[in-house]
Amino acid sequence: MAPYPGIVDDEALARAIRDSSETLYHPVGTCRMGADDASVTDPRLRVRGVDGLRVVDASVMPRITRGHTQAPTVAIAEEAAELIREHGRA
């Protein structure tokens, strides 16, 4: 679609958007943490139904933060380290 060809139909416009779009944020929430059965991890970051496995990254955030995700991810990692130190691998 470059250079601009003039009037285009909706299909061409949709194709151009799909071909040139990208996210400008850091996706989170793919392994949502929570107390409900729909959550992938429990509040201690343990993967439900898999013994000895934790998820320790931005994917456990239930929603994206308003700022950069780096600082909250470090906080999650620090909390996970403390949980593991205090309670072992369980």
PDB file of N, CA and C in Angstrom:
ATOM      1  N   MET A   1       0.808  -1.190   0.000  1.00  0.00           N
ATOM      2  CA  MET A   1       0.000   0.000   0.000  1.00  0.00           C
ATOM      3  C   MET A   1       0.855   1.260   0.000  1.00  0.00           C
ATOM      4  N   ALA A   2       2.132   1.107  -0.150  1.00  0.00           N
ATOM      5  CA  ALA A   2       2.952   2.310  -0.245  1.00  0.00           C
ATOM      6  C   ALA A   2       3.551   2.355  -1.638  1.00  0.00           C
ATOM      7  N   PRO A   3       3.610   3.419  -2.313  1.00  0.00           N
ATOM      8  CA  PRO A   3       2.958   4.670  -1.900  1.00  0.00           C
ATOM      9  C   PRO A   3       1.444   4.541  -1.991  1.00  0.00           C
ATOM     10  N   TYR A   4       0.755   5.447  -1.330  1.00  0.00           N
ATOM     11  CA  TYR A   4      -0.705   5.407  -1.262  1.00  0.00           C
ATOM     12  C   TYR A   4      -1.304   5.368  -2.665  1.00  0.00           C
ATOM     13  N   PRO A   5      -2.086   4.316  -2.969  1.00  0.00           N
ATOM     14  CA  PRO A   5      -2.610   4.160  -4.325  1.00  0.00           C
ATOM     15  C   PRO A   5      -3.901   4.925  -4.594  1.00  0.00           C
ATOM     16  N   GLY A   6      -4.414   5.612  -3.612  1.00  0.00           N
ATOM     17  CA  GLY A   6      -5.695   6.301  -3.780  1.00  0.00           C
ATOM     18  C   GLY A   6      -6.773   5.539  -3.036  1.00  0.00           C
ATOM     19  N   ILE A   7      -7.975   5.600  -3.511  1.00  0.00           N
ATOM     20  CA  ILE A   7      -9.095   4.928  -2.844  1.00  0.00           C
ATOM     21  C   ILE A   7      -8.910   3.421  -2.936  1.00  0.00           C
ATOM     22  N   VAL A   8      -9.058   2.738  -1.800  1.00  0.00           N
ATOM     23  CA  VAL A   8      -8.953   1.273  -1.752  1.00  0.00           C
ATOM     24  C   VAL A   8     -10.211   0.721  -1.105  1.00  0.00           C
ATOM     25  N   ASP A   9     -10.484  -0.549  -1.359  1.00  0.00           N
ATOM     26  CA  ASP A   9     -11.664  -1.163  -0.756  1.00  0.00           C
ATOM     27  C   ASP A   9     -11.362  -1.607   0.681  1.00  0.00           C
ATOM     28  N   ASP A  10     -12.409  -1.994   1.403  1.00  0.00           N
ATOM     29  CA  ASP A  10     -12.255  -2.379   2.812  1.00  0.00           C
ATOM     30  C   ASP A  10     -11.325  -3.567   2.981  1.00  0.00           C
ATOM     31  N   GLU A  11     -11.382  -4.531   2.062  1.00  0.00           N
ATOM     32  CA  GLU A  11     -10.515  -5.707   2.158  1.00  0.00           C
ATOM     33  C   GLU A  11      -9.040  -5.318   2.037  1.00  0.00           C
ATOM     34  N   ALA A  12      -8.710  -4.449   1.107  1.00  0.00           N
ATOM     35  CA  ALA A  12      -7.327  -4.001   0.939  1.00  0.00           C
ATOM     36  C   ALA A  12      -6.863  -3.199   2.147  1.00  0.00           C
ATOM     37  N   LEU A  13      -7.747  -2.381   2.672  1.00  0.00           N
ATOM     38  CA  LEU A  13      -7.412  -1.604   3.861  1.00  0.00           C
ATOM     39  C   LEU A  13      -7.168  -2.521   5.056  1.00  0.00           C
ATOM     40  N   ALA A  14      -8.035  -3.508   5.255  1.00  0.00           N
ATOM     41  CA  ALA A  14      -7.861  -4.465   6.360  1.00  0.00           C
ATOM     42  C   ALA A  14      -6.556  -5.237   6.203  1.00  0.00           C
ATOM     43  N   ARG A  15      -6.237  -5.646   4.983  1.00  0.00           N
ATOM     44  CA  ARG A  15      -4.990  -6.378   4.730  1.00  0.00           C
ATOM     45  C   ARG A  15      -3.779  -5.500   5.049  1.00  0.00           C
ATOM     46  N   ALA A  16      -3.829  -4.241   4.661  1.00  0.00           N
ATOM     47  CA  ALA A  16      -2.725  -3.315   4.941  1.00  0.00           C
ATOM     48  C   ALA A  16      -2.542  -3.125   6.439  1.00  0.00           C
ATOM     49  N   ILE A  17      -3.627  -3.031   7.169  1.00  0.00           N
ATOM     50  CA  ILE A  17      -3.538  -2.877   8.631  1.00  0.00           C
ATOM     51  C   ILE A  17      -2.942  -4.129   9.251  1.00  0.00           C
ATOM     52  N   ARG A  18      -3.420  -5.312   8.842  1.00  0.00           N
ATOM     53  CA  ARG A  18      -2.872  -6.567   9.388  1.00  0.00           C
ATOM     54  C   ARG A  18      -1.384  -6.701   9.077  1.00  0.00           C
ATOM     55  N   ASP A  19      -0.984  -6.305   7.876  1.00  0.00           N
ATOM     56  CA  ASP A  19       0.411  -6.454   7.462  1.00  0.00           C
ATOM     57  C   ASP A  19       1.367  -5.489   8.156  1.00  0.00           C
ATOM     58  N   SER A  20       0.861  -4.364   8.642  1.00  0.00           N
ATOM     59  CA  SER A  20       1.765  -3.359   9.197  1.00  0.00           C
ATOM     60  C   SER A  20       1.550  -3.074  10.678  1.00  0.00           C
ATOM     61  N   SER A  21       0.611  -3.750  11.309  1.00  0.00           N
ATOM     62  CA  SER A  21       0.325  -3.493  12.729  1.00  0.00           C
ATOM     63  C   SER A  21       1.255  -4.291  13.626  1.00  0.00           C
ATOM     64  N   GLU A  22       1.512  -3.754  14.802  1.00  0.00           N
ATOM     65  CA  GLU A  22       2.276  -4.457  15.825  1.00  0.00           C
ATOM     66  C   GLU A  22       1.889  -3.903  17.182  1.00  0.00           C
ATOM     67  N   THR A  23       2.162  -4.680  18.211  1.00  0.00           N
ATOM     68  CA  THR A  23       1.872  -4.200  19.556  1.00  0.00           C
ATOM     69  C   THR A  23       3.019  -3.340  20.044  1.00  0.00           C
ATOM     70  N   LEU A  24       2.714  -2.351  20.814  1.00  0.00           N
ATOM     71  CA  LEU A  24       3.733  -1.485  21.384  1.00  0.00           C
ATOM     72  C   LEU A  24       3.731  -1.590  22.904  1.00  0.00           C
ATOM     73  N   TYR A  25       3.209  -2.651  23.414  1.00  0.00           N
ATOM     74  CA  TYR A  25       3.183  -2.891  24.844  1.00  0.00           C
ATOM     75  C   TYR A  25       3.674  -4.308  25.100  1.00  0.00           C
ATOM     76  N   HIS A  26       3.878  -4.616  26.334  1.00  0.00           N
ATOM     77  CA  HIS A  26       4.360  -5.933  26.712  1.00  0.00           C
ATOM     78  C   HIS A  26       3.169  -6.775  27.151  1.00  0.00           C
ATOM     79  N   PRO A  27       2.773  -7.756  26.359  1.00  0.00           N
ATOM     80  CA  PRO A  27       1.621  -8.573  26.739  1.00  0.00           C
ATOM     81  C   PRO A  27       1.847  -9.284  28.078  1.00  0.00           C
ATOM     82  N   VAL A  28       0.803  -9.361  28.845  1.00  0.00           N
ATOM     83  CA  VAL A  28       0.834 -10.037  30.137  1.00  0.00           C
ATOM     84  C   VAL A  28      -0.418 -10.898  30.246  1.00  0.00           C
ATOM     85  N   GLY A  29      -0.485 -11.702  31.300  1.00  0.00           N
ATOM     86  CA  GLY A  29      -1.718 -12.410  31.611  1.00  0.00           C
ATOM     87  C   GLY A  29      -1.922 -13.736  30.922  1.00  0.00           C
ATOM     88  N   THR A  30      -0.930 -14.267  30.231  1.00  0.00           N
ATOM     89  CA  THR A  30      -1.115 -15.542  29.540  1.00  0.00           C
ATOM     90  C   THR A  30      -1.119 -16.726  30.504  1.00  0.00           C
ATOM     91  N   CYS A  31      -0.599 -16.545  31.714  1.00  0.00           N
ATOM     92  CA  CYS A  31      -0.639 -17.565  32.774  1.00  0.00           C
ATOM     93  C   CYS A  31      -1.163 -16.897  34.034  1.00  0.00           C
ATOM     94  N   ARG A  32      -2.333 -16.305  33.926  1.00  0.00           N
ATOM     95  CA  ARG A  32      -2.888 -15.460  34.990  1.00  0.00           C
ATOM     96  C   ARG A  32      -2.841 -16.126  36.364  1.00  0.00           C
ATOM     97  N   MET A  33      -2.392 -15.345  37.341  1.00  0.00           N
ATOM     98  CA  MET A  33      -2.365 -15.771  38.735  1.00  0.00           C
ATOM     99  C   MET A  33      -3.691 -15.386  39.381  1.00  0.00           C
ATOM    100  N   GLY A  34      -4.188 -16.245  40.258  1.00  0.00           N
ATOM    101  CA  GLY A  34      -5.400 -15.922  40.982  1.00  0.00           C
ATOM    102  C   GLY A  34      -5.839 -17.064  41.870  1.00  0.00           C
ATOM    103  N   ALA A  35      -6.919 -16.844  42.600  1.00  0.00           N
ATOM    104  CA  ALA A  35      -7.438 -17.852  43.521  1.00  0.00           C
ATOM    105  C   ALA A  35      -8.548 -18.690  42.889  1.00  0.00           C
ATOM    106  N   ASP A  36      -9.025 -18.298  41.718  1.00  0.00           N
ATOM    107  CA  ASP A  36     -10.124 -19.024  41.078  1.00  0.00           C
ATOM    108  C   ASP A  36      -9.602 -20.173  40.220  1.00  0.00           C
ATOM    109  N   ASP A  37     -10.488 -21.098  39.889  1.00  0.00           N
ATOM    110  CA  ASP A  37     -10.097 -22.272  39.103  1.00  0.00           C
ATOM    111  C   ASP A  37      -9.673 -21.938  37.674  1.00  0.00           C
ATOM    112  N   ALA A  38     -10.053 -20.783  37.169  1.00  0.00           N
ATOM    113  CA  ALA A  38      -9.669 -20.387  35.808  1.00  0.00           C
ATOM    114  C   ALA A  38      -8.241 -19.856  35.743  1.00  0.00           C
ATOM    115  N   SER A  39      -7.634 -19.576  36.881  1.00  0.00           N
ATOM    116  CA  SER A  39      -6.261 -19.070  36.918  1.00  0.00           C
ATOM    117  C   SER A  39      -5.281 -20.199  36.640  1.00  0.00           C
ATOM    118  N   VAL A  40      -4.223 -19.894  35.912  1.00  0.00           N
ATOM    119  CA  VAL A  40      -3.192 -20.882  35.600  1.00  0.00           C
ATOM    120  C   VAL A  40      -2.325 -21.143  36.825  1.00  0.00           C
ATOM    121  N   THR A  41      -1.995 -20.068  37.559  1.00  0.00           N
ATOM    122  CA  THR A  41      -1.177 -20.215  38.759  1.00  0.00           C
ATOM    123  C   THR A  41      -1.951 -19.765  39.985  1.00  0.00           C
ATOM    124  N   ASP A  42      -1.576 -20.325  41.122  1.00  0.00           N
ATOM    125  CA  ASP A  42      -2.183 -19.882  42.376  1.00  0.00           C
ATOM    126  C   ASP A  42      -1.419 -18.646  42.875  1.00  0.00           C
ATOM    127  N   PRO A  43      -1.849 -18.034  43.976  1.00  0.00           N
ATOM    128  CA  PRO A  43      -1.163 -16.831  44.458  1.00  0.00           C
ATOM    129  C   PRO A  43       0.305 -17.045  44.853  1.00  0.00           C
ATOM    130  N   ARG A  44       0.733 -18.305  44.982  1.00  0.00           N
ATOM    131  CA  ARG A  44       2.142 -18.599  45.271  1.00  0.00           C
ATOM    132  C   ARG A  44       2.917 -18.934  44.002  1.00  0.00           C
ATOM    133  N   LEU A  45       2.303 -18.619  42.839  1.00  0.00           N
ATOM    134  CA  LEU A  45       2.925 -18.769  41.524  1.00  0.00           C
ATOM    135  C   LEU A  45       3.074 -20.221  41.078  1.00  0.00           C
ATOM    136  N   ARG A  46       2.428 -21.146  41.778  1.00  0.00           N
ATOM    137  CA  ARG A  46       2.500 -22.562  41.412  1.00  0.00           C
ATOM    138  C   ARG A  46       1.493 -22.856  40.310  1.00  0.00           C
ATOM    139  N   VAL A  47       1.931 -23.580  39.290  1.00  0.00           N
ATOM    140  CA  VAL A  47       1.039 -23.953  38.194  1.00  0.00           C
ATOM    141  C   VAL A  47       0.072 -25.005  38.709  1.00  0.00           C
ATOM    142  N   ARG A  48      -1.209 -24.746  38.524  1.00  0.00           N
ATOM    143  CA  ARG A  48      -2.235 -25.680  38.992  1.00  0.00           C
ATOM    144  C   ARG A  48      -2.114 -27.005  38.249  1.00  0.00           C
ATOM    145  N   GLY A  49      -2.070 -28.102  39.009  1.00  0.00           N
ATOM    146  CA  GLY A  49      -2.033 -29.432  38.426  1.00  0.00           C
ATOM    147  C   GLY A  49      -0.665 -29.925  38.009  1.00  0.00           C
ATOM    148  N   VAL A  50       0.392 -29.127  38.239  1.00  0.00           N
ATOM    149  CA  VAL A  50       1.751 -29.546  37.871  1.00  0.00           C
ATOM    150  C   VAL A  50       2.645 -29.338  39.084  1.00  0.00           C
ATOM    151  N   ASP A  51       3.036 -30.429  39.731  1.00  0.00           N
ATOM    152  CA  ASP A  51       3.877 -30.329  40.923  1.00  0.00           C
ATOM    153  C   ASP A  51       5.265 -29.794  40.586  1.00  0.00           C
ATOM    154  N   GLY A  52       5.759 -28.869  41.420  1.00  0.00           N
ATOM    155  CA  GLY A  52       7.124 -28.377  41.305  1.00  0.00           C
ATOM    156  C   GLY A  52       7.360 -27.342  40.218  1.00  0.00           C
ATOM    157  N   LEU A  53       6.307 -26.806  39.612  1.00  0.00           N
ATOM    158  CA  LEU A  53       6.487 -25.819  38.549  1.00  0.00           C
ATOM    159  C   LEU A  53       5.838 -24.501  38.937  1.00  0.00           C
ATOM    160  N   ARG A  54       6.594 -23.429  38.812  1.00  0.00           N
ATOM    161  CA  ARG A  54       6.087 -22.080  39.048  1.00  0.00           C
ATOM    162  C   ARG A  54       6.298 -21.249  37.796  1.00  0.00           C
ATOM    163  N   VAL A  55       5.479 -20.228  37.631  1.00  0.00           N
ATOM    164  CA  VAL A  55       5.667 -19.260  36.558  1.00  0.00           C
ATOM    165  C   VAL A  55       6.075 -17.957  37.224  1.00  0.00           C
ATOM    166  N   VAL A  56       7.222 -17.422  36.813  1.00  0.00           N
ATOM    167  CA  VAL A  56       7.773 -16.230  37.453  1.00  0.00           C
ATOM    168  C   VAL A  56       8.148 -15.225  36.365  1.00  0.00           C
ATOM    169  N   ASP A  57       7.151 -14.585  35.797  1.00  0.00           N
ATOM    170  CA  ASP A  57       7.380 -13.537  34.804  1.00  0.00           C
ATOM    171  C   ASP A  57       6.107 -12.721  34.646  1.00  0.00           C
ATOM    172  N   ALA A  58       6.068 -11.833  33.676  1.00  0.00           N
ATOM    173  CA  ALA A  58       4.929 -10.931  33.497  1.00  0.00           C
ATOM    174  C   ALA A  58       3.650 -11.653  33.102  1.00  0.00           C
ATOM    175  N   SER A  59       3.759 -12.901  32.683  1.00  0.00           N
ATOM    176  CA  SER A  59       2.552 -13.615  32.266  1.00  0.00           C
ATOM    177  C   SER A  59       1.601 -13.892  33.422  1.00  0.00           C
ATOM    178  N   VAL A  60       2.063 -13.822  34.677  1.00  0.00           N
ATOM    179  CA  VAL A  60       1.167 -14.064  35.812  1.00  0.00           C
ATOM    180  C   VAL A  60       0.359 -12.835  36.208  1.00  0.00           C
ATOM    181  N   MET A  61       0.690 -11.677  35.641  1.00  0.00           N
ATOM    182  CA  MET A  61      -0.056 -10.458  35.970  1.00  0.00           C
ATOM    183  C   MET A  61      -1.478 -10.573  35.424  1.00  0.00           C
ATOM    184  N   PRO A  62      -2.480 -10.392  36.279  1.00  0.00           N
ATOM    185  CA  PRO A  62      -3.862 -10.509  35.789  1.00  0.00           C
ATOM    186  C   PRO A  62      -4.223  -9.441  34.752  1.00  0.00           C
ATOM    187  N   ARG A  63      -3.618  -8.265  34.863  1.00  0.00           N
ATOM    188  CA  ARG A  63      -3.865  -7.151  33.933  1.00  0.00           C
ATOM    189  C   ARG A  63      -2.551  -6.419  33.695  1.00  0.00           C
ATOM    190  N   ILE A  64      -2.452  -5.745  32.561  1.00  0.00           N
ATOM    191  CA  ILE A  64      -1.241  -4.994  32.264  1.00  0.00           C
ATOM    192  C   ILE A  64      -1.178  -3.753  33.159  1.00  0.00           C
ATOM    193  N   THR A  65       0.017  -3.384  33.539  1.00  0.00           N
ATOM    194  CA  THR A  65       0.212  -2.198  34.360  1.00  0.00           C
ATOM    195  C   THR A  65       0.190  -0.953  33.486  1.00  0.00           C
ATOM    196  N   ARG A  66       0.029   0.197  34.101  1.00  0.00           N
ATOM    197  CA  ARG A  66       0.015   1.449  33.322  1.00  0.00           C
ATOM    198  C   ARG A  66       1.414   1.840  32.873  1.00  0.00           C
ATOM    199  N   GLY A  67       2.416   1.391  33.603  1.00  0.00           N
ATOM    200  CA  GLY A  67       3.792   1.717  33.248  1.00  0.00           C
ATOM    201  C   GLY A  67       4.487   0.522  32.628  1.00  0.00           C
ATOM    202  N   HIS A  68       5.794   0.624  32.513  1.00  0.00           N
ATOM    203  CA  HIS A  68       6.602  -0.452  31.957  1.00  0.00           C
ATOM    204  C   HIS A  68       6.473  -1.688  32.844  1.00  0.00           C
ATOM    205  N   THR A  69       6.534  -2.867  32.253  1.00  0.00           N
ATOM    206  CA  THR A  69       6.348  -4.111  33.012  1.00  0.00           C
ATOM    207  C   THR A  69       7.624  -4.618  33.677  1.00  0.00           C
ATOM    208  N   GLN A  70       8.762  -3.989  33.446  1.00  0.00           N
ATOM    209  CA  GLN A  70      10.027  -4.495  33.986  1.00  0.00           C
ATOM    210  C   GLN A  70      10.054  -4.472  35.514  1.00  0.00           C
ATOM    211  N   ALA A  71       9.690  -3.369  36.131  1.00  0.00           N
ATOM    212  CA  ALA A  71       9.746  -3.278  37.596  1.00  0.00           C
ATOM    213  C   ALA A  71       8.782  -4.255  38.273  1.00  0.00           C
ATOM    214  N   PRO A  72       7.525  -4.363  37.849  1.00  0.00           N
ATOM    215  CA  PRO A  72       6.656  -5.354  38.467  1.00  0.00           C
ATOM    216  C   PRO A  72       7.143  -6.789  38.260  1.00  0.00           C
ATOM    217  N   THR A  73       7.794  -7.043  37.123  1.00  0.00           N
ATOM    218  CA  THR A  73       8.326  -8.387  36.884  1.00  0.00           C
ATOM    219  C   THR A  73       9.458  -8.699  37.851  1.00  0.00           C
ATOM    220  N   VAL A  74      10.300  -7.728  38.124  1.00  0.00           N
ATOM    221  CA  VAL A  74      11.355  -7.921  39.122  1.00  0.00           C
ATOM    222  C   VAL A  74      10.732  -8.174  40.500  1.00  0.00           C
ATOM    223  N   ALA A  75       9.680  -7.447  40.833  1.00  0.00           N
ATOM    224  CA  ALA A  75       8.998  -7.658  42.116  1.00  0.00           C
ATOM    225  C   ALA A  75       8.411  -9.069  42.196  1.00  0.00           C
ATOM    226  N   ILE A  76       7.832  -9.546  41.114  1.00  0.00           N
ATOM    227  CA  ILE A  76       7.307 -10.914  41.080  1.00  0.00           C
ATOM    228  C   ILE A  76       8.434 -11.913  41.297  1.00  0.00           C
ATOM    229  N   ALA A  77       9.572 -11.695  40.652  1.00  0.00           N
ATOM    230  CA  ALA A  77      10.718 -12.593  40.800  1.00  0.00           C
ATOM    231  C   ALA A  77      11.257 -12.584  42.227  1.00  0.00           C
ATOM    232  N   GLU A  78      11.324 -11.402  42.829  1.00  0.00           N
ATOM    233  CA  GLU A  78      11.788 -11.308  44.220  1.00  0.00           C
ATOM    234  C   GLU A  78      10.834 -12.060  45.154  1.00  0.00           C
ATOM    235  N   GLU A  79       9.534 -11.894  44.944  1.00  0.00           N
ATOM    236  CA  GLU A  79       8.541 -12.603  45.763  1.00  0.00           C
ATOM    237  C   GLU A  79       8.652 -14.108  45.561  1.00  0.00           C
ATOM    238  N   ALA A  80       8.831 -14.537  44.325  1.00  0.00           N
ATOM    239  CA  ALA A  80       8.978 -15.967  44.050  1.00  0.00           C
ATOM    240  C   ALA A  80      10.213 -16.533  44.749  1.00  0.00           C
ATOM    241  N   ALA A  81      11.308 -15.791  44.708  1.00  0.00           N
ATOM    242  CA  ALA A  81      12.527 -16.248  45.386  1.00  0.00           C
ATOM    243  C   ALA A  81      12.275 -16.408  46.880  1.00  0.00           C
ATOM    244  N   GLU A  82      11.556 -15.474  47.461  1.00  0.00           N
ATOM    245  CA  GLU A  82      11.239 -15.561  48.888  1.00  0.00           C
ATOM    246  C   GLU A  82      10.326 -16.755  49.179  1.00  0.00           C
ATOM    247  N   LEU A  83       9.322 -16.957  48.351  1.00  0.00           N
ATOM    248  CA  LEU A  83       8.423 -18.111  48.533  1.00  0.00           C
ATOM    249  C   LEU A  83       9.197 -19.426  48.457  1.00  0.00           C
ATOM    250  N   ILE A  84      10.093 -19.526  47.506  1.00  0.00           N
ATOM    251  CA  ILE A  84      10.888 -20.743  47.354  1.00  0.00           C
ATOM    252  C   ILE A  84      11.827 -20.924  48.535  1.00  0.00           C
ATOM    253  N   ARG A  85      12.473 -19.838  48.985  1.00  0.00           N
ATOM    254  CA  ARG A  85      13.363 -19.933  50.146  1.00  0.00           C
ATOM    255  C   ARG A  85      12.605 -20.363  51.403  1.00  0.00           C
ATOM    256  N   GLU A  86      11.437 -19.782  51.632  1.00  0.00           N
ATOM    257  CA  GLU A  86      10.676 -20.068  52.848  1.00  0.00           C
ATOM    258  C   GLU A  86      10.009 -21.443  52.830  1.00  0.00           C
ATOM    259  N   HIS A  87       9.517 -21.836  51.688  1.00  0.00           N
ATOM    260  CA  HIS A  87       8.671 -23.026  51.631  1.00  0.00           C
ATOM    261  C   HIS A  87       9.206 -24.135  50.750  1.00  0.00           C
ATOM    262  N   GLY A  88      10.388 -24.005  50.270  1.00  0.00           N
ATOM    263  CA  GLY A  88      10.941 -25.037  49.393  1.00  0.00           C
ATOM    264  C   GLY A  88      10.266 -25.030  48.042  1.00  0.00           C
ATOM    265  N   ARG A  89      10.358 -26.106  47.348  1.00  0.00           N
ATOM    266  CA  ARG A  89       9.847 -26.189  45.983  1.00  0.00           C
ATOM    267  C   ARG A  89       8.344 -26.410  45.943  1.00  0.00           C
ATOM    268  N   ALA A  90       7.714 -26.728  47.046  1.00  0.00           N
ATOM    269  CA  ALA A  90       6.271 -27.034  47.037  1.00  0.00           C
ATOM    270  C   ALA A  90       5.453 -25.792  46.876  1.00  0.00           C
TER     271      ALA A  90
END
